[in-house]
Amino acid sequence: MFKTHPQDDAVFKDLNVVSMLHHFWEQKQVTGAHVRPESLIVYESSPSPSPPFICYVTLPGGSCFGNFQDCSTRAEARRDAARIALMNSMFNELPSRRITPDFIACSLKEAASTTSETIEDATDPSTGIGAYCFMLESNIGKTMLEFQEIMTIFQLLHWNGTLKSFRERKCSRQHVISYYSQHRLDECTRSHMVLDWMMQEQRSPGLVSHELQVALRELADARRAGRELRFYKEKREILSLALSQAYSKDLEHICEETEWSQAEANPDCIAHNGDVCQTNGLLDKSDHYRLYSQEDISDGETFD
């Protein structure tokens, strides 16, 4: 992600970056860009009663950014978050930030040079580089921010253990990728994840609290680094909700009725066949290759 530097602060100091960000996305709708009409730029301020204040801004499509400076007022935090989001939005419009056949070829070559797999393995979707190639080709024409929004879903599915569940049910990689590449992260998916963590808390008391503390640290570190935050923020919200409901008297009944790991997840959309996921899930850590020219999209924890 694109992060501001001290000299950038002087450039943006006297600009109304909140209005500029709104205008930028408004113009994308006018010019026919793929922006959902119901999408809005959403600001969320932390409930802290004293500084430093924190503000997050979520863009149409789901990408999220936050202020990385220490801000003494909520308005300052809002402006700083808007500045980070605006610069990333503008940077995302560069031709080099779009997935093209040339980009895919370069990415596969780089991937092959860093693992034991070869370019020829890219035609086999059962391999790590093959799954990576399939995902890139499925999203050709998309920008890096758009691709990151899709990757966030897979990061969460991996973190939550859902990909492991799909593997155990012998779901093929390409069918899982195809399905979730076409579906947004919605309340239904979040609810299933919350229930999963509630059940894990029932089995191992204190686990969710520990995971939440880890998620909060990860979110703070990523925000201070000026990175895209949706994965970390979704983790925080899922765990917070799971912790608040973990000891509900209705937990046992809810778990019996809706246990995600035992139910068939979208059986009409995710086919089961002989193409079995390998023992390391959709993509291994070593298979989740460098997707940005400037940074590694994998934070060392995207796929197990």
Protein backbone atom coordinates (compact mmCIF):
# COMPACT_ATOMS: atom_id res chain seq x y z
CA MET A 1 0.00 0.00 0.00
CA PHE A 2 1.02 3.59 -0.55
CA LYS A 3 2.08 5.41 2.60
CA THR A 4 2.57 9.13 3.02
CA HIS A 5 5.86 10.73 4.01
CA PRO A 6 6.58 14.00 5.83
CA GLN A 7 6.86 15.95 2.57
CA ASP A 8 3.44 14.66 1.55
CA ASP A 9 1.93 16.12 4.72
CA ALA A 10 2.92 19.62 3.62
CA VAL A 11 1.29 19.07 0.22
CA PHE A 12 -2.00 17.87 1.74
CA LYS A 13 -2.02 20.12 4.81
CA ASP A 14 -4.29 22.82 3.38
CA LEU A 15 -6.43 20.54 1.22
CA ASN A 16 -9.88 19.29 2.13
CA VAL A 17 -8.94 15.66 1.71
CA VAL A 18 -12.30 14.40 3.00
CA SER A 19 -14.11 16.22 0.17
CA MET A 20 -11.46 15.20 -2.34
CA LEU A 21 -11.86 11.54 -1.45
CA HIS A 22 -15.63 11.77 -1.79
CA HIS A 23 -15.26 13.55 -5.15
CA PHE A 24 -12.78 10.95 -6.40
CA TRP A 25 -15.18 8.06 -5.85
CA GLU A 26 -18.15 10.09 -7.06
CA GLN A 27 -16.31 10.65 -10.35
CA LYS A 28 -15.57 6.95 -10.66
CA GLN A 29 -19.31 6.30 -10.60
CA VAL A 30 -19.90 9.02 -13.20
CA THR A 31 -17.24 7.59 -15.52
CA GLY A 32 -18.80 4.15 -15.38
CA ALA A 33 -16.31 2.43 -13.11
CA HIS A 34 -17.54 -0.71 -11.36
CA VAL A 35 -18.65 0.93 -8.14
CA ARG A 36 -21.84 -0.35 -6.55
CA PRO A 37 -24.44 2.43 -6.26
CA GLU A 38 -25.19 1.53 -2.65
CA SER A 39 -21.51 1.81 -1.74
CA LEU A 40 -20.55 4.72 0.47
CA ILE A 41 -17.39 6.01 2.04
CA VAL A 42 -17.79 5.17 5.72
CA TYR A 43 -15.81 6.75 8.57
CA GLU A 44 -15.54 5.06 11.94
CA SER A 45 -13.92 6.76 14.92
CA SER A 46 -12.61 4.89 17.94
CA PRO A 47 -14.57 5.42 21.17
CA SER A 48 -11.47 6.61 23.02
CA PRO A 49 -12.28 9.57 25.34
CA SER A 50 -8.80 11.03 24.99
CA PRO A 51 -6.05 11.30 22.36
CA PRO A 52 -4.46 9.87 20.38
CA PHE A 53 -7.64 9.33 18.38
CA ILE A 54 -8.11 6.70 15.69
CA CYS A 55 -10.30 6.82 12.60
CA TYR A 56 -10.92 4.22 9.91
CA VAL A 57 -12.32 4.92 6.45
CA THR A 58 -13.88 2.15 4.37
CA LEU A 59 -14.05 2.69 0.61
CA PRO A 60 -16.63 1.37 -1.85
CA GLY A 61 -15.81 -2.30 -2.31
CA GLY A 62 -14.52 -2.74 1.23
CA SER A 63 -10.90 -1.56 1.29
CA CYS A 64 -10.13 0.07 4.62
CA PHE A 65 -7.47 2.55 5.76
CA GLY A 66 -6.76 4.40 8.98
CA ASN A 67 -4.75 7.31 10.27
CA PHE A 68 -1.15 6.33 10.91
CA GLN A 69 -0.16 9.51 12.74
CA ASP A 70 -0.93 10.27 16.37
CA CYS A 71 -3.87 12.68 16.22
CA SER A 72 -4.96 14.98 19.02
CA THR A 73 -8.53 15.46 17.70
CA ARG A 74 -11.09 13.24 15.98
CA ALA A 75 -11.25 15.65 13.05
CA GLU A 76 -7.50 15.39 12.58
CA ALA A 77 -7.69 11.59 12.66
CA ARG A 78 -10.49 11.68 10.09
CA ARG A 79 -8.43 13.87 7.76
CA ASP A 80 -5.35 11.70 8.15
CA ALA A 81 -7.32 8.54 7.37
CA ALA A 82 -8.90 10.24 4.34
CA ARG A 83 -5.45 11.31 3.14
CA ILE A 84 -4.13 7.73 3.27
CA ALA A 85 -7.25 6.43 1.50
CA LEU A 86 -7.09 9.14 -1.19
CA MET A 87 -3.44 8.52 -2.00
CA ASN A 88 -4.02 4.77 -2.23
CA SER A 89 -7.11 5.32 -4.38
CA MET A 90 -5.15 7.52 -6.79
CA PHE A 91 -2.15 5.20 -6.82
CA ASN A 92 -4.48 2.31 -7.62
CA GLU A 93 -5.44 3.99 -10.92
CA LEU A 94 -1.94 3.58 -12.38
CA PRO A 95 -1.67 1.05 -15.24
CA SER A 96 0.95 -0.89 -13.28
CA ARG A 97 -1.67 -1.59 -10.58
CA ARG A 98 -3.93 -3.59 -12.90
CA ILE A 99 -3.79 -7.36 -13.47
CA THR A 100 -2.86 -7.99 -17.12
CA PRO A 101 -1.46 -11.00 -19.02
CA ASP A 102 2.01 -9.45 -18.78
CA PHE A 103 1.59 -8.94 -15.04
CA ILE A 104 0.51 -12.57 -14.62
CA ALA A 105 3.46 -13.84 -16.66
CA CYS A 106 5.92 -11.81 -14.58
CA SER A 107 4.27 -12.89 -11.32
CA LEU A 108 4.39 -16.59 -12.25
CA LYS A 109 8.03 -16.29 -13.28
CA GLU A 110 8.87 -14.69 -9.95
CA ALA A 111 6.84 -17.31 -8.09
CA ALA A 112 8.62 -20.16 -9.83
CA SER A 113 12.00 -18.66 -8.97
CA THR A 114 11.21 -18.66 -5.24
CA THR A 115 9.81 -22.20 -4.87
CA SER A 116 10.44 -25.74 -6.03
CA GLU A 117 7.59 -25.50 -8.55
CA THR A 118 8.05 -24.58 -12.20
CA ILE A 119 6.22 -22.42 -14.74
CA GLU A 120 4.83 -25.62 -16.29
CA ASP A 121 3.10 -26.41 -12.99
CA ALA A 122 0.93 -23.30 -13.48
CA THR A 123 -1.34 -25.31 -15.78
CA ASP A 124 -2.11 -27.75 -12.95
CA PRO A 125 -4.67 -26.22 -10.52
CA SER A 126 -3.79 -28.82 -7.87
CA THR A 127 -0.39 -27.17 -7.39
CA GLY A 128 0.24 -24.00 -5.43
CA ILE A 129 1.44 -22.05 -8.47
CA GLY A 130 -1.47 -23.45 -10.47
CA ALA A 131 -4.01 -22.17 -7.92
CA TYR A 132 -2.20 -18.83 -7.88
CA CYS A 133 -2.35 -18.64 -11.68
CA PHE A 134 -6.04 -19.58 -11.68
CA MET A 135 -6.84 -16.84 -9.16
CA LEU A 136 -4.94 -14.21 -11.13
CA GLU A 137 -6.53 -15.20 -14.44
CA SER A 138 -9.97 -15.18 -12.79
CA ASN A 139 -9.41 -11.55 -11.84
CA ILE A 140 -7.71 -10.24 -14.95
CA GLY A 141 -8.51 -6.58 -15.54
CA LYS A 142 -9.00 -5.83 -11.85
CA THR A 143 -6.85 -3.38 -9.94
CA MET A 144 -4.69 -4.32 -6.98
CA LEU A 145 -7.19 -2.84 -4.53
CA GLU A 146 -10.00 -4.84 -6.12
CA PHE A 147 -7.88 -7.97 -5.95
CA GLN A 148 -6.98 -7.27 -2.32
CA GLU A 149 -10.69 -7.09 -1.50
CA ILE A 150 -11.12 -10.60 -2.91
CA MET A 151 -8.01 -11.87 -1.15
CA THR A 152 -9.37 -10.60 2.17
CA ILE A 153 -12.16 -13.17 1.94
CA PHE A 154 -9.66 -15.99 1.48
CA GLN A 155 -7.46 -14.66 4.28
CA LEU A 156 -10.45 -14.80 6.63
CA LEU A 157 -11.53 -18.25 5.43
CA HIS A 158 -8.03 -19.54 6.07
CA TRP A 159 -7.74 -17.85 9.47
CA ASN A 160 -11.14 -19.18 10.52
CA GLY A 161 -10.39 -22.75 9.46
CA THR A 162 -13.05 -22.85 6.74
CA LEU A 163 -10.55 -23.68 3.99
CA LYS A 164 -9.40 -26.67 6.01
CA SER A 165 -13.02 -27.77 6.27
CA PHE A 166 -13.43 -27.48 2.49
CA ARG A 167 -10.28 -29.53 1.98
CA GLU A 168 -11.54 -32.27 4.28
CA ARG A 169 -14.74 -32.39 2.22
CA LYS A 170 -12.62 -32.75 -0.91
CA CYS A 171 -13.62 -29.44 -2.48
CA SER A 172 -11.37 -28.55 -5.40
CA ARG A 173 -9.27 -25.40 -5.17
CA GLN A 174 -10.64 -23.93 -8.40
CA HIS A 175 -14.26 -24.35 -7.30
CA VAL A 176 -13.61 -22.70 -3.95
CA ILE A 177 -11.74 -19.86 -5.64
CA SER A 178 -14.43 -19.43 -8.29
CA TYR A 179 -17.23 -19.32 -5.76
CA TYR A 180 -15.71 -16.87 -3.30
CA SER A 181 -14.28 -14.66 -6.04
CA GLN A 182 -17.88 -13.98 -7.07
CA HIS A 183 -19.34 -13.45 -3.59
CA ARG A 184 -18.79 -10.54 -1.26
CA LEU A 185 -18.04 -10.89 2.41
CA ASP A 186 -21.54 -10.61 3.89
CA GLU A 187 -23.25 -10.87 7.24
CA CYS A 188 -24.06 -14.54 6.71
CA THR A 189 -20.38 -15.44 6.28
CA ARG A 190 -19.42 -13.28 9.27
CA SER A 191 -22.12 -14.91 11.41
CA HIS A 192 -20.79 -18.37 10.61
CA MET A 193 -17.31 -17.26 11.62
CA VAL A 194 -18.60 -15.77 14.87
CA LEU A 195 -20.33 -19.05 15.69
CA ASP A 196 -17.18 -21.01 14.92
CA TRP A 197 -15.20 -18.91 17.40
CA MET A 198 -17.97 -19.17 20.00
CA MET A 199 -17.72 -22.95 19.79
CA GLN A 200 -13.94 -22.83 20.02
CA GLU A 201 -14.28 -20.68 23.14
CA GLN A 202 -16.61 -23.27 24.60
CA ARG A 203 -13.99 -25.96 24.03
CA SER A 204 -11.01 -23.80 25.11
CA PRO A 205 -12.05 -20.99 27.50
CA GLY A 206 -9.89 -17.90 27.09
CA LEU A 207 -8.96 -18.66 23.48
CA VAL A 208 -11.08 -15.91 21.90
CA SER A 209 -9.80 -13.31 24.36
CA HIS A 210 -6.22 -14.24 23.49
CA GLU A 211 -6.93 -14.16 19.73
CA LEU A 212 -8.62 -10.78 20.12
CA GLN A 213 -5.56 -9.30 21.81
CA VAL A 214 -3.41 -10.60 18.95
CA ALA A 215 -5.83 -9.14 16.39
CA LEU A 216 -5.80 -5.74 18.11
CA ARG A 217 -2.00 -5.63 18.01
CA GLU A 218 -1.95 -6.65 14.35
CA LEU A 219 -4.52 -3.98 13.49
CA ALA A 220 -2.57 -1.27 15.31
CA ASP A 221 0.72 -2.26 13.65
CA ALA A 222 -0.82 -2.36 10.19
CA ARG A 223 -2.54 1.02 10.71
CA ARG A 224 0.71 2.68 11.81
CA ALA A 225 2.37 1.26 8.71
CA GLY A 226 -0.28 2.84 6.46
CA ARG A 227 -1.46 -0.53 5.13
CA GLU A 228 -4.85 -1.71 3.93
CA LEU A 229 -6.70 -2.85 7.05
CA ARG A 230 -9.84 -4.76 6.20
CA PHE A 231 -8.52 -8.22 7.08
CA TYR A 232 -7.32 -7.09 10.50
CA LYS A 233 -10.45 -5.05 11.19
CA GLU A 234 -12.76 -7.93 10.23
CA LYS A 235 -10.83 -10.23 12.58
CA ARG A 236 -11.26 -7.76 15.42
CA GLU A 237 -14.98 -7.39 14.85
CA ILE A 238 -15.62 -11.14 14.48
CA LEU A 239 -13.69 -11.96 17.65
CA SER A 240 -15.24 -9.09 19.61
CA LEU A 241 -18.74 -10.28 18.76
CA ALA A 242 -17.85 -13.89 19.49
CA LEU A 243 -16.43 -12.94 22.89
CA SER A 244 -19.45 -10.86 23.82
CA GLN A 245 -21.81 -13.74 23.03
CA ALA A 246 -19.61 -16.71 23.96
CA TYR A 247 -21.31 -17.35 27.29
CA SER A 248 -24.89 -16.84 26.21
CA LYS A 249 -27.27 -19.37 27.73
CA ASP A 250 -28.42 -20.17 24.20
CA LEU A 251 -24.93 -20.98 22.92
CA GLU A 252 -25.31 -24.74 22.98
CA HIS A 253 -28.60 -24.63 21.09
CA ILE A 254 -27.24 -22.19 18.50
CA CYS A 255 -24.15 -24.30 17.89
CA GLU A 256 -26.20 -27.44 17.35
CA GLU A 257 -28.41 -25.69 14.85
CA THR A 258 -25.84 -23.82 12.79
CA GLU A 259 -22.43 -25.41 13.13
CA TRP A 260 -20.57 -24.28 10.04
CA SER A 261 -17.93 -26.95 10.10
CA GLN A 262 -20.54 -29.72 9.91
CA ALA A 263 -22.88 -28.13 7.39
CA GLU A 264 -22.45 -28.24 3.64
CA ALA A 265 -21.29 -24.75 2.71
CA ASN A 266 -23.11 -23.65 -0.44
CA PRO A 267 -23.28 -27.21 -1.88
CA ASP A 268 -24.93 -26.01 -5.09
CA CYS A 269 -22.08 -23.63 -5.82
CA ILE A 270 -18.95 -25.42 -4.61
CA ALA A 271 -18.64 -28.73 -6.40
CA HIS A 272 -17.10 -31.86 -4.97
CA ASN A 273 -14.99 -33.97 -7.31
CA GLY A 274 -11.76 -35.85 -7.58
CA ASP A 275 -9.66 -32.69 -7.59
CA VAL A 276 -8.78 -32.73 -3.93
CA CYS A 277 -7.17 -29.82 -2.12
CA GLN A 278 -3.68 -30.65 -0.93
CA THR A 279 -2.88 -30.96 2.74
CA ASN A 280 -1.76 -27.35 2.97
CA GLY A 281 -5.06 -25.77 2.00
CA LEU A 282 -5.74 -23.54 -0.99
CA LEU A 283 -2.31 -21.98 -1.00
CA ASP A 284 0.73 -22.59 1.12
CA LYS A 285 2.53 -19.69 2.72
CA SER A 286 5.29 -20.27 0.20
CA ASP A 287 2.70 -20.36 -2.57
CA HIS A 288 1.08 -17.04 -1.77
CA TYR A 289 3.34 -15.12 -4.02
CA ARG A 290 4.22 -11.44 -4.42
CA LEU A 291 1.15 -9.78 -5.95
CA TYR A 292 2.21 -6.16 -5.74
CA SER A 293 5.29 -4.77 -7.39
CA GLN A 294 6.14 -2.92 -4.16
CA GLU A 295 4.97 -5.29 -1.43
CA ASP A 296 4.01 -8.82 -0.53
CA ILE A 297 0.24 -9.14 -0.08
CA SER A 298 0.78 -12.13 2.18
CA ASP A 299 1.50 -11.16 5.76
CA GLY A 300 2.97 -14.55 6.44
CA GLU A 301 -0.41 -15.81 7.54
CA THR A 302 -2.72 -15.68 4.56
CA PHE A 303 -2.90 -19.39 3.73
CA ASP A 304 -1.70 -22.26 5.77
